[in-house]
Structures are given as C-alpha cells and as structure tokens.
Amino acid sequence: MPMHRSRTHWHLGMPHTITGALSEIALFAQAQDLHWKEMGRLTGCPASRQVDVAGREVYASIFFADFEGLLERGLSTFRPDDEIELVGTLGRYGTSVLDGLHRIYPAGTLPAVLPAVLPAAPSLRLSFILVGMGGGPDDLRVSTPSNARIDRIPLLDGEPDSYRLVRAAQSAGGFASPHADASRLWPGAYSRTYPINPDRDLNGVGLLYFANYVAFLDAAERHALEEAAGFSPEQLDGRVTLRRRIAYYGNARSSDQLHIDVEVFALDGPPPSRLLVHHQVHRVSDGRLIALASAERLLRSPGS
C-alpha cells in the first residue's frame, strides 16, 4: 500500500518562534496535530472521538520523537514570518502502532506535484502507540479503536525501529555515547527537580503534554550550564537545537514533580559552541523513569 502523504502550509508567527528561530515546542505540537488530523481523516473518525470495544477513549500516545536539523543552523534556519511547508507521511504497524515523519521546506521549494522522492530537509519523526485511557497516567493499556477504520492507514513495510531504539536507550540509560574527543563539562550529572504546573503543562486529555517535555529539558539544561559550567544567561538565550531524540516511557499526575539529571559534553572549542546534552527524567512520586533524551545544541552569538 502506498505511503500516505500530506502537505501543509505554515506561516511562522510569534507563537511559533523563539529568539529569532522556529520554536521546537511549536514544531512538535504542530506535527502531532497534523498527524492527529490525518489519522481522523483516514479512519473516518476524529482522533479525539475514537473508543475501543470496552468504551475507553483511545489516545495516540507518542513514545519516540526524533528531530534532525540537517542544516548547520538547525531550528534557526527558520525565522518569524517565514513561509514554510510541512510534508508528512503516516503509516501503521499492526493495529496499535503509528509512525510519521514531517519534512520542513521553505515555501516554494517543492513543485505543485510532489516528487516521488523528496529532497533532503530538516525533519521531525513521531512514533505513536494507541492506548485506552483509564483512571490516570498509570492506567493506559495498548488498544485499538472499534469505531474507526485503522486499516485505512497504510501499512508500513515492517516494524518501525523506534520501538527498538527506545528499549535500547532504556537498557543503556540513554542514547549514543559522545565521541571520544568530546569533553565533559562537569563530573557526573547535574540534578534539578521541577513541579508540574497543571494550568500550563497538561494536554487535552489531562496528561503531561509530550511537547512540554522540551521545556522541562531546556530549563534543566539552562540551570546546569549556568550553575555547573559558568555560562551567562546571555550566552544561553540564543541556543538552538540541531538534533534531538526523546524516548517517552510514562507520564505523571498533575500533582507530581519531575526530577531531571543533565550531562553535557563540549563538541568543539574552547570556548564551546556545540554541546551534546543528555537528560534522564524521573517522576518524584515513585522514582519511575518517564523519559530519556539526547540533543545536540548550538550556542549562537548575538544577532546570528
């Protein structure tokens, strides 16, 4: 079955940008929303209205996110008032796993009829597991909707490698290790605990919103770089993501807190302008691991 493709024009306004670059949180949110809309359109039932045979609401929960900036400037390639296009693909494995990718192009790059093979571009991949909603973040069971035609979403050629990647990361305690010539900015991990803000951090079904993990990760990274490595706030204001992977293993109640460990390695310098950042996120209530992340970050000079 041919892979399903979609094409969306996006004007980057102030809500979608930060410090002169495309906001990573806005990109994550936009890509997820587009996948949800395509899922509803293809299956004949809006994603928010799908239920399983037991009457439980079915939610497409993200378990893997992979942003590849491709270009040397990463997210700073795109700026406020840019016109861009998101070209998306969406497929399924079985009846409970979805895998999608959005490539990001400046408007006008692609012809009116999309070519069979798209040119290389920055991209965001999201992998979903369909779960039946229960009484909270620990009552989520793999399921499939009974009132939607999941079979209308094209089959993938095989099981997506994202599941293997998140399990391997969990076993190893993180994603790939830094290169031998990378230098650790401080010994061990820097740790910080953050409360969840129920009025800001939750999504439409009352779970911690997957895109907001980026905000927690970036806050912990900033505090670590200021307090453990001596960076000034001004040096950190313009940092952008070149690439990032996040594995999601759970969620948290709105009354919980998140304990985040941060390790940072310099990839160049001194002084460093490119950093490799590893995060581990545990919920405080029971110490359970709920996310692992790795990102390559660029420290931009003012005005760049």
C-alpha atoms as a PDB file:
ATOM      1  CA  MET A   1       0.000   0.000   0.000  1.00  0.00           C
ATOM      2  CA  PRO A   2       1.495   3.409  -0.953  1.00  0.00           C
ATOM      3  CA  MET A   3       2.585   5.570   1.972  1.00  0.00           C
ATOM      4  CA  HIS A   4       0.076   8.304   2.844  1.00  0.00           C
ATOM      5  CA  ARG A   5       1.420  11.826   2.344  1.00  0.00           C
ATOM      6  CA  SER A   6       0.091  15.230   3.363  1.00  0.00           C
ATOM      7  CA  ARG A   7       1.159  18.780   2.614  1.00  0.00           C
ATOM      8  CA  THR A   8       0.580  21.789   4.865  1.00  0.00           C
ATOM      9  CA  HIS A   9       1.495  25.456   4.504  1.00  0.00           C
ATOM     10  CA  TRP A  10       2.596  27.142   7.749  1.00  0.00           C
ATOM     11  CA  HIS A  11       3.209  30.828   8.363  1.00  0.00           C
ATOM     12  CA  LEU A  12       5.620  31.210  11.278  1.00  0.00           C
ATOM     13  CA  GLY A  13       4.174  33.849  13.575  1.00  0.00           C
ATOM     14  CA  MET A  14       5.234  34.946  17.035  1.00  0.00           C
ATOM     15  CA  PRO A  15       3.562  31.940  18.756  1.00  0.00           C
ATOM     16  CA  HIS A  16       5.725  29.600  16.658  1.00  0.00           C
ATOM     17  CA  THR A  17       9.149  31.193  17.185  1.00  0.00           C
ATOM     18  CA  ILE A  18      11.582  31.962  19.972  1.00  0.00           C
ATOM     19  CA  THR A  19      14.641  34.249  19.950  1.00  0.00           C
ATOM     20  CA  GLY A  20      14.619  34.500  16.166  1.00  0.00           C
ATOM     21  CA  ALA A  21      14.228  30.770  15.461  1.00  0.00           C
ATOM     22  CA  LEU A  22      11.492  28.192  14.985  1.00  0.00           C
ATOM     23  CA  SER A  23      10.305  27.047  18.410  1.00  0.00           C
ATOM     24  CA  GLU A  24      10.953  23.353  18.975  1.00  0.00           C
ATOM     25  CA  ILE A  25       7.864  23.098  21.165  1.00  0.00           C
ATOM     26  CA  ALA A  26       5.724  24.712  18.457  1.00  0.00           C
ATOM     27  CA  LEU A  27       7.137  22.335  15.835  1.00  0.00           C
ATOM     28  CA  PHE A  28       6.426  19.275  17.991  1.00  0.00           C
ATOM     29  CA  ALA A  29       2.892  20.494  18.663  1.00  0.00           C
ATOM     30  CA  GLN A  30       2.195  21.315  15.012  1.00  0.00           C
ATOM     31  CA  ALA A  31       3.486  17.964  13.751  1.00  0.00           C
ATOM     32  CA  GLN A  32       1.454  15.995  16.293  1.00  0.00           C
ATOM     33  CA  ASP A  33      -1.692  17.952  15.492  1.00  0.00           C
ATOM     34  CA  LEU A  34      -1.261  17.339  11.771  1.00  0.00           C
ATOM     35  CA  HIS A  35      -0.808  13.601  12.341  1.00  0.00           C
ATOM     36  CA  TRP A  36      -3.922  13.531  14.518  1.00  0.00           C
ATOM     37  CA  LYS A  37      -5.949  15.289  11.830  1.00  0.00           C
ATOM     38  CA  GLU A  38      -4.724  12.878   9.164  1.00  0.00           C
ATOM     39  CA  MET A  39      -5.491   9.940  11.436  1.00  0.00           C
ATOM     40  CA  GLY A  40      -9.063  11.171  11.835  1.00  0.00           C
ATOM     41  CA  ARG A  41      -9.482  11.884   8.142  1.00  0.00           C
ATOM     42  CA  LEU A  42      -8.164   8.497   7.056  1.00  0.00           C
ATOM     43  CA  THR A  43     -10.061   6.437   9.622  1.00  0.00           C
ATOM     44  CA  GLY A  44     -13.371   8.305   9.308  1.00  0.00           C
ATOM     45  CA  CYS A  45     -13.491   9.338  12.977  1.00  0.00           C
ATOM     46  CA  PRO A  46     -11.773  12.303  14.676  1.00  0.00           C
ATOM     47  CA  ALA A  47      -8.847  11.134  16.792  1.00  0.00           C
ATOM     48  CA  SER A  48     -10.395  12.632  19.928  1.00  0.00           C
ATOM     49  CA  ARG A  49     -13.623  10.647  19.453  1.00  0.00           C
ATOM     50  CA  GLN A  50     -12.166   7.181  19.000  1.00  0.00           C
ATOM     51  CA  VAL A  51     -13.031   4.485  21.549  1.00  0.00           C
ATOM     52  CA  ASP A  52     -12.208   0.794  21.933  1.00  0.00           C
ATOM     53  CA  VAL A  53     -14.587  -2.160  22.437  1.00  0.00           C
ATOM     54  CA  ALA A  54     -14.594  -1.531  26.194  1.00  0.00           C
ATOM     55  CA  GLY A  55     -15.748   2.059  25.678  1.00  0.00           C
ATOM     56  CA  ARG A  56     -12.394   3.535  26.723  1.00  0.00           C
ATOM     57  CA  GLU A  57     -11.191   6.609  24.880  1.00  0.00           C
ATOM     58  CA  VAL A  58      -8.283   5.710  22.592  1.00  0.00           C
ATOM     59  CA  TYR A  59      -5.363   8.123  22.659  1.00  0.00           C
ATOM     60  CA  ALA A  60      -2.413   8.152  20.245  1.00  0.00           C
ATOM     61  CA  SER A  61       0.415   8.451  22.761  1.00  0.00           C
ATOM     62  CA  ILE A  62       3.871   9.417  21.493  1.00  0.00           C
ATOM     63  CA  PHE A  63       6.709   7.139  22.598  1.00  0.00           C
ATOM     64  CA  PHE A  64       9.512   8.459  20.374  1.00  0.00           C
ATOM     65  CA  ALA A  65      10.428  11.831  18.878  1.00  0.00           C
ATOM     66  CA  ASP A  66      13.416  12.414  16.605  1.00  0.00           C
ATOM     67  CA  PHE A  67      14.270  15.876  15.240  1.00  0.00           C
ATOM     68  CA  GLU A  68      17.033  16.056  12.645  1.00  0.00           C
ATOM     69  CA  GLY A  69      18.033  19.623  11.802  1.00  0.00           C
ATOM     70  CA  LEU A  70      20.248  18.525   8.910  1.00  0.00           C
ATOM     71  CA  LEU A  71      21.468  22.057   8.248  1.00  0.00           C
ATOM     72  CA  GLU A  72      24.243  23.649  10.308  1.00  0.00           C
ATOM     73  CA  ARG A  73      21.840  26.187  11.792  1.00  0.00           C
ATOM     74  CA  GLY A  74      19.205  23.695  12.925  1.00  0.00           C
ATOM     75  CA  LEU A  75      15.991  25.368  14.051  1.00  0.00           C
ATOM     76  CA  SER A  76      17.494  28.817  13.467  1.00  0.00           C
ATOM     77  CA  THR A  77      17.189  28.083   9.725  1.00  0.00           C
ATOM     78  CA  PHE A  78      13.588  29.293  10.082  1.00  0.00           C
ATOM     79  CA  ARG A  79      12.608  32.701  11.469  1.00  0.00           C
ATOM     80  CA  PRO A  80       9.491  34.766  12.299  1.00  0.00           C
ATOM     81  CA  ASP A  81       7.281  35.471   9.257  1.00  0.00           C
ATOM     82  CA  ASP A  82       8.868  32.716   7.183  1.00  0.00           C
ATOM     83  CA  GLU A  83       6.508  30.729   4.984  1.00  0.00           C
ATOM     84  CA  ILE A  84       7.236  27.018   5.150  1.00  0.00           C
ATOM     85  CA  GLU A  85       5.717  23.722   4.084  1.00  0.00           C
ATOM     86  CA  LEU A  86       5.424  20.539   6.122  1.00  0.00           C
ATOM     87  CA  VAL A  87       5.267  17.395   4.009  1.00  0.00           C
ATOM     88  CA  GLY A  88       4.141  14.487   6.132  1.00  0.00           C
ATOM     89  CA  THR A  89       3.958  10.715   5.868  1.00  0.00           C
ATOM     90  CA  LEU A  90       1.947   8.411   8.106  1.00  0.00           C
ATOM     91  CA  GLY A  91       1.804   4.627   8.312  1.00  0.00           C
ATOM     92  CA  ARG A  92       0.888   1.900  10.768  1.00  0.00           C
ATOM     93  CA  TYR A  93       2.313  -1.341  12.082  1.00  0.00           C
ATOM     94  CA  GLY A  94      -0.429  -3.727  13.146  1.00  0.00           C
ATOM     95  CA  THR A  95      -3.441  -2.040  14.702  1.00  0.00           C
ATOM     96  CA  SER A  96      -1.807  -0.099  17.545  1.00  0.00           C
ATOM     97  CA  VAL A  97       1.436   1.500  16.298  1.00  0.00           C
ATOM     98  CA  LEU A  98       1.704   4.555  14.019  1.00  0.00           C
ATOM     99  CA  ASP A  99       4.853   6.155  12.653  1.00  0.00           C
ATOM    100  CA  GLY A 100       5.010   9.531  10.934  1.00  0.00           C
ATOM    101  CA  LEU A 101       7.538  11.996   9.588  1.00  0.00           C
ATOM    102  CA  HIS A 102       7.325  15.659   8.624  1.00  0.00           C
ATOM    103  CA  ARG A 103       9.952  17.281   6.411  1.00  0.00           C
ATOM    104  CA  ILE A 104      10.282  21.055   6.574  1.00  0.00           C
ATOM    105  CA  TYR A 105      10.831  23.158   3.436  1.00  0.00           C
ATOM    106  CA  PRO A 106      10.831  26.889   2.718  1.00  0.00           C
ATOM    107  CA  ALA A 107       7.653  27.651   0.770  1.00  0.00           C
ATOM    108  CA  GLY A 108       8.227  27.452  -2.960  1.00  0.00           C
ATOM    109  CA  THR A 109      10.970  24.845  -2.728  1.00  0.00           C
ATOM    110  CA  LEU A 110       8.781  21.999  -3.971  1.00  0.00           C
ATOM    111  CA  PRO A 111       6.779  21.799  -7.202  1.00  0.00           C
ATOM    112  CA  ALA A 112       2.978  21.763  -7.250  1.00  0.00           C
ATOM    113  CA  VAL A 113       3.037  17.977  -7.676  1.00  0.00           C
ATOM    114  CA  LEU A 114       5.252  16.362  -5.076  1.00  0.00           C
ATOM    115  CA  PRO A 115       8.051  14.209  -6.496  1.00  0.00           C
ATOM    116  CA  ALA A 116       8.162  10.530  -5.589  1.00  0.00           C
ATOM    117  CA  VAL A 117      11.463  11.087  -3.788  1.00  0.00           C
ATOM    118  CA  LEU A 118      11.619  14.245  -1.697  1.00  0.00           C
ATOM    119  CA  PRO A 119      14.817  16.261  -1.333  1.00  0.00           C
ATOM    120  CA  ALA A 120      16.639  16.166   1.986  1.00  0.00           C
ATOM    121  CA  ALA A 121      15.269  18.569   4.593  1.00  0.00           C
ATOM    122  CA  PRO A 122      15.071  19.090   8.350  1.00  0.00           C
ATOM    123  CA  SER A 123      12.573  16.601   9.731  1.00  0.00           C
ATOM    124  CA  LEU A 124      10.632  15.516  12.791  1.00  0.00           C
ATOM    125  CA  ARG A 125       9.658  11.890  13.264  1.00  0.00           C
ATOM    126  CA  LEU A 126       6.975  10.885  15.777  1.00  0.00           C
ATOM    127  CA  SER A 127       6.032   7.323  16.744  1.00  0.00           C
ATOM    128  CA  PHE A 128       2.699   6.621  18.446  1.00  0.00           C
ATOM    129  CA  ILE A 129       1.187   3.764  20.416  1.00  0.00           C
ATOM    130  CA  LEU A 130      -2.616   3.643  20.643  1.00  0.00           C
ATOM    131  CA  VAL A 131      -3.720   3.265  24.262  1.00  0.00           C
ATOM    132  CA  GLY A 132      -7.064   3.026  26.014  1.00  0.00           C
ATOM    133  CA  MET A 133      -7.482   5.763  28.630  1.00  0.00           C
ATOM    134  CA  GLY A 134      -8.312   4.792  32.199  1.00  0.00           C
ATOM    135  CA  GLY A 135      -8.078   6.472  35.566  1.00  0.00           C
ATOM    136  CA  GLY A 136      -4.764   8.241  35.134  1.00  0.00           C
ATOM    137  CA  PRO A 137      -1.224   8.097  33.725  1.00  0.00           C
ATOM    138  CA  ASP A 138      -0.667   4.571  35.078  1.00  0.00           C
ATOM    139  CA  ASP A 139      -3.913   3.215  33.637  1.00  0.00           C
ATOM    140  CA  LEU A 140      -3.063   3.239  29.932  1.00  0.00           C
ATOM    141  CA  ARG A 141      -3.422  -0.023  28.007  1.00  0.00           C
ATOM    142  CA  VAL A 142      -2.420  -0.775  24.434  1.00  0.00           C
ATOM    143  CA  SER A 143      -5.647  -0.809  22.443  1.00  0.00           C
ATOM    144  CA  THR A 144      -7.210  -0.010  19.076  1.00  0.00           C
ATOM    145  CA  PRO A 145     -10.409   1.907  18.234  1.00  0.00           C
ATOM    146  CA  SER A 146     -13.547  -0.018  17.396  1.00  0.00           C
ATOM    147  CA  ASN A 147     -15.311   2.965  15.803  1.00  0.00           C
ATOM    148  CA  ALA A 148     -12.555   3.959  13.358  1.00  0.00           C
ATOM    149  CA  ARG A 149     -11.097   2.263  10.283  1.00  0.00           C
ATOM    150  CA  ILE A 150      -7.453   1.949  11.351  1.00  0.00           C
ATOM    151  CA  ASP A 151      -6.982  -0.410   8.392  1.00  0.00           C
ATOM    152  CA  ARG A 152      -7.281   2.613   6.067  1.00  0.00           C
ATOM    153  CA  ILE A 153      -3.937   3.932   7.320  1.00  0.00           C
ATOM    154  CA  PRO A 154      -1.295   2.422   5.014  1.00  0.00           C
ATOM    155  CA  LEU A 155       0.759  -0.447   6.377  1.00  0.00           C
ATOM    156  CA  LEU A 156       4.468   0.132   6.946  1.00  0.00           C
ATOM    157  CA  ASP A 157       6.902  -2.262   5.293  1.00  0.00           C
ATOM    158  CA  GLY A 158       7.871  -3.591   8.719  1.00  0.00           C
ATOM    159  CA  GLU A 159       8.037  -2.800  12.403  1.00  0.00           C
ATOM    160  CA  PRO A 160       9.426   0.728  12.886  1.00  0.00           C
ATOM    161  CA  ASP A 161      12.850   0.784  14.514  1.00  0.00           C
ATOM    162  CA  SER A 162      11.697   3.404  17.030  1.00  0.00           C
ATOM    163  CA  TYR A 163      10.474   0.742  19.474  1.00  0.00           C
ATOM    164  CA  ARG A 164      13.880  -0.954  19.405  1.00  0.00           C
ATOM    165  CA  LEU A 165      15.608   2.409  19.857  1.00  0.00           C
ATOM    166  CA  VAL A 166      13.635   3.367  22.963  1.00  0.00           C
ATOM    167  CA  ARG A 167      14.157  -0.068  24.548  1.00  0.00           C
ATOM    168  CA  ALA A 168      17.882   0.015  23.787  1.00  0.00           C
ATOM    169  CA  ALA A 169      18.121   3.510  25.296  1.00  0.00           C
ATOM    170  CA  GLN A 170      16.318   2.331  28.412  1.00  0.00           C
ATOM    171  CA  SER A 171      18.728  -0.590  28.845  1.00  0.00           C
ATOM    172  CA  ALA A 172      21.767   1.631  28.285  1.00  0.00           C
ATOM    173  CA  GLY A 173      20.487   4.557  30.354  1.00  0.00           C
ATOM    174  CA  GLY A 174      20.484   6.871  27.361  1.00  0.00           C
ATOM    175  CA  PHE A 175      21.109   7.224  23.652  1.00  0.00           C
ATOM    176  CA  ALA A 176      24.517   7.021  21.947  1.00  0.00           C
ATOM    177  CA  SER A 177      27.608   7.932  23.966  1.00  0.00           C
ATOM    178  CA  PRO A 178      29.617  11.034  22.998  1.00  0.00           C
ATOM    179  CA  HIS A 179      32.647  10.764  20.734  1.00  0.00           C
ATOM    180  CA  ALA A 180      35.972  10.128  22.418  1.00  0.00           C
ATOM    181  CA  ASP A 181      37.140  13.706  21.757  1.00  0.00           C
ATOM    182  CA  ALA A 182      34.089  15.277  23.449  1.00  0.00           C
ATOM    183  CA  SER A 183      34.857  16.799  26.838  1.00  0.00           C
ATOM    184  CA  ARG A 184      32.526  16.554  29.830  1.00  0.00           C
ATOM    185  CA  LEU A 185      31.726  19.976  31.287  1.00  0.00           C
ATOM    186  CA  TRP A 186      31.386  18.677  34.855  1.00  0.00           C
ATOM    187  CA  PRO A 187      31.736  15.297  36.580  1.00  0.00           C
ATOM    188  CA  GLY A 188      28.623  13.166  36.869  1.00  0.00           C
ATOM    189  CA  ALA A 189      25.103  14.506  36.405  1.00  0.00           C
ATOM    190  CA  TYR A 190      23.565  17.813  37.464  1.00  0.00           C
ATOM    191  CA  SER A 191      20.137  17.270  39.061  1.00  0.00           C
ATOM    192  CA  ARG A 192      17.145  19.554  39.414  1.00  0.00           C
ATOM    193  CA  THR A 193      13.512  18.995  40.442  1.00  0.00           C
ATOM    194  CA  TYR A 194      10.587  20.860  38.851  1.00  0.00           C
ATOM    195  CA  PRO A 195       6.910  20.929  39.832  1.00  0.00           C
ATOM    196  CA  ILE A 196       4.307  20.270  37.153  1.00  0.00           C
ATOM    197  CA  ASN A 197       2.064  23.264  36.507  1.00  0.00           C
ATOM    198  CA  PRO A 198      -1.451  21.863  35.815  1.00  0.00           C
ATOM    199  CA  ASP A 199      -2.528  25.135  34.188  1.00  0.00           C
ATOM    200  CA  ARG A 200       0.328  25.062  31.663  1.00  0.00           C
ATOM    201  CA  ASP A 201       1.830  21.607  31.190  1.00  0.00           C
ATOM    202  CA  LEU A 202      -1.116  19.288  30.501  1.00  0.00           C
ATOM    203  CA  ASN A 203      -2.752  18.349  27.210  1.00  0.00           C
ATOM    204  CA  GLY A 204      -6.396  17.983  26.227  1.00  0.00           C
ATOM    205  CA  VAL A 205      -6.785  14.585  27.932  1.00  0.00           C
ATOM    206  CA  GLY A 206      -5.162  15.696  31.191  1.00  0.00           C
ATOM    207  CA  LEU A 207      -1.726  14.103  30.641  1.00  0.00           C
ATOM    208  CA  LEU A 208       1.636  15.827  30.670  1.00  0.00           C
ATOM    209  CA  TYR A 209       1.913  17.138  27.109  1.00  0.00           C
ATOM    210  CA  PHE A 210       4.716  15.489  25.149  1.00  0.00           C
ATOM    211  CA  ALA A 211       5.930  18.762  23.584  1.00  0.00           C
ATOM    212  CA  ASN A 212       6.263  20.387  27.013  1.00  0.00           C
ATOM    213  CA  TYR A 213       8.945  17.866  27.960  1.00  0.00           C
ATOM    214  CA  VAL A 214      11.203  20.015  25.770  1.00  0.00           C
ATOM    215  CA  ALA A 215      10.555  22.990  28.043  1.00  0.00           C
ATOM    216  CA  PHE A 216      11.500  20.962  31.126  1.00  0.00           C
ATOM    217  CA  LEU A 217      14.627  19.616  29.430  1.00  0.00           C
ATOM    218  CA  ASP A 218      15.712  23.073  28.304  1.00  0.00           C
ATOM    219  CA  ALA A 219      15.105  24.577  31.751  1.00  0.00           C
ATOM    220  CA  ALA A 220      17.233  21.902  33.423  1.00  0.00           C
ATOM    221  CA  GLU A 221      19.920  22.367  30.749  1.00  0.00           C
ATOM    222  CA  ARG A 222      19.989  26.138  31.309  1.00  0.00           C
ATOM    223  CA  HIS A 223      20.262  25.809  35.089  1.00  0.00           C
ATOM    224  CA  ALA A 224      23.023  23.214  34.725  1.00  0.00           C
ATOM    225  CA  LEU A 225      25.056  25.315  32.279  1.00  0.00           C
ATOM    226  CA  GLU A 226      24.729  28.432  34.427  1.00  0.00           C
ATOM    227  CA  GLU A 227      25.380  26.827  37.814  1.00  0.00           C
ATOM    228  CA  ALA A 228      27.792  23.997  36.966  1.00  0.00           C
ATOM    229  CA  ALA A 229      29.641  25.399  33.933  1.00  0.00           C
ATOM    230  CA  GLY A 230      29.545  29.164  34.460  1.00  0.00           C
ATOM    231  CA  PHE A 231      27.695  30.208  31.308  1.00  0.00           C
ATOM    232  CA  SER A 232      25.931  33.567  31.460  1.00  0.00           C
ATOM    233  CA  PRO A 233      22.198  33.894  30.705  1.00  0.00           C
ATOM    234  CA  GLU A 234      23.071  35.943  27.623  1.00  0.00           C
ATOM    235  CA  GLN A 235      25.258  33.144  26.250  1.00  0.00           C
ATOM    236  CA  LEU A 236      22.361  30.714  26.574  1.00  0.00           C
ATOM    237  CA  ASP A 237      19.485  32.843  25.295  1.00  0.00           C
ATOM    238  CA  GLY A 238      20.164  32.098  21.635  1.00  0.00           C
ATOM    239  CA  ARG A 239      20.893  28.372  21.839  1.00  0.00           C
ATOM    240  CA  VAL A 240      19.004  26.208  19.337  1.00  0.00           C
ATOM    241  CA  THR A 241      18.583  22.513  18.630  1.00  0.00           C
ATOM    242  CA  LEU A 242      20.464  20.876  15.777  1.00  0.00           C
ATOM    243  CA  ARG A 243      19.059  17.411  16.544  1.00  0.00           C
ATOM    244  CA  ARG A 244      17.210  15.775  19.411  1.00  0.00           C
ATOM    245  CA  ARG A 245      15.830  12.364  20.358  1.00  0.00           C
ATOM    246  CA  ILE A 246      13.338  11.732  23.140  1.00  0.00           C
ATOM    247  CA  ALA A 247      12.100   8.359  24.359  1.00  0.00           C
ATOM    248  CA  TYR A 248       8.888   8.508  26.398  1.00  0.00           C
ATOM    249  CA  TYR A 249       8.268   5.731  28.947  1.00  0.00           C
ATOM    250  CA  GLY A 250       5.427   7.117  31.014  1.00  0.00           C
ATOM    251  CA  ASN A 251       3.550  10.149  32.213  1.00  0.00           C
ATOM    252  CA  ALA A 252       2.860  11.898  35.505  1.00  0.00           C
ATOM    253  CA  ARG A 253      -0.046  13.233  37.515  1.00  0.00           C
ATOM    254  CA  SER A 254      -0.538  16.975  37.670  1.00  0.00           C
ATOM    255  CA  SER A 255       0.378  16.971  41.374  1.00  0.00           C
ATOM    256  CA  ASP A 256       3.733  15.261  40.773  1.00  0.00           C
ATOM    257  CA  GLN A 257       7.208  16.674  40.251  1.00  0.00           C
ATOM    258  CA  LEU A 258       9.918  15.817  37.728  1.00  0.00           C
ATOM    259  CA  HIS A 259      13.493  15.016  38.741  1.00  0.00           C
ATOM    260  CA  ILE A 260      15.854  15.697  35.821  1.00  0.00           C
ATOM    261  CA  ASP A 261      19.510  14.670  35.552  1.00  0.00           C
ATOM    262  CA  VAL A 262      21.649  16.512  32.992  1.00  0.00           C
ATOM    263  CA  GLU A 263      25.032  15.667  31.482  1.00  0.00           C
ATOM    264  CA  VAL A 264      26.717  17.996  28.979  1.00  0.00           C
ATOM    265  CA  PHE A 265      29.709  17.477  26.694  1.00  0.00           C
ATOM    266  CA  ALA A 266      31.527  20.076  24.604  1.00  0.00           C
ATOM    267  CA  LEU A 267      31.862  19.026  20.956  1.00  0.00           C
ATOM    268  CA  ASP A 268      34.245  21.832  19.977  1.00  0.00           C
ATOM    269  CA  GLY A 269      36.134  24.772  21.458  1.00  0.00           C
ATOM    270  CA  PRO A 270      37.222  26.046  23.803  1.00  0.00           C
ATOM    271  CA  PRO A 271      35.111  28.026  24.155  1.00  0.00           C
ATOM    272  CA  PRO A 272      32.425  25.536  23.096  1.00  0.00           C
ATOM    273  CA  SER A 273      29.713  26.469  20.616  1.00  0.00           C
ATOM    274  CA  ARG A 274      28.241  22.978  20.116  1.00  0.00           C
ATOM    275  CA  LEU A 275      27.073  20.888  23.045  1.00  0.00           C
ATOM    276  CA  LEU A 276      25.795  17.332  23.450  1.00  0.00           C
ATOM    277  CA  VAL A 277      23.204  17.180  26.217  1.00  0.00           C
ATOM    278  CA  HIS A 278      21.823  14.010  27.835  1.00  0.00           C
ATOM    279  CA  HIS A 279      18.740  14.022  30.083  1.00  0.00           C
ATOM    280  CA  GLN A 280      17.043  11.464  32.314  1.00  0.00           C
ATOM    281  CA  VAL A 281      13.586  12.352  33.633  1.00  0.00           C
ATOM    282  CA  HIS A 282      12.043  10.564  36.626  1.00  0.00           C
ATOM    283  CA  ARG A 283       8.805  11.380  38.399  1.00  0.00           C
ATOM    284  CA  VAL A 284       9.359  12.124  42.072  1.00  0.00           C
ATOM    285  CA  SER A 285       6.303  10.263  43.412  1.00  0.00           C
ATOM    286  CA  ASP A 286       7.745   6.796  42.749  1.00  0.00           C
ATOM    287  CA  GLY A 287      11.105   7.372  41.053  1.00  0.00           C
ATOM    288  CA  ARG A 288       9.911   5.882  37.756  1.00  0.00           C
ATOM    289  CA  LEU A 289      11.808   6.772  34.600  1.00  0.00           C
ATOM    290  CA  ILE A 290       9.443   8.568  32.212  1.00  0.00           C
ATOM    291  CA  ALA A 291      11.814   9.973  29.564  1.00  0.00           C
ATOM    292  CA  LEU A 292      15.334   9.849  28.174  1.00  0.00           C
ATOM    293  CA  ALA A 293      16.644  12.482  25.795  1.00  0.00           C
ATOM    294  CA  SER A 294      19.741  13.457  23.883  1.00  0.00           C
ATOM    295  CA  ALA A 295      20.256  16.707  21.978  1.00  0.00           C
ATOM    296  CA  GLU A 296      22.952  18.485  20.024  1.00  0.00           C
ATOM    297  CA  ARG A 297      22.710  22.197  20.736  1.00  0.00           C
ATOM    298  CA  LEU A 298      24.237  25.243  19.091  1.00  0.00           C
ATOM    299  CA  LEU A 299      25.205  28.325  21.103  1.00  0.00           C
ATOM    300  CA  ARG A 300      24.555  31.193  18.714  1.00  0.00           C
ATOM    301  CA  SER A 301      26.339  34.502  19.054  1.00  0.00           C
ATOM    302  CA  PRO A 302      24.087  37.570  19.466  1.00  0.00           C
ATOM    303  CA  GLY A 303      22.405  38.580  16.210  1.00  0.00           C
ATOM    304  CA  SER A 304      23.199  35.348  14.381  1.00  0.00           C
END
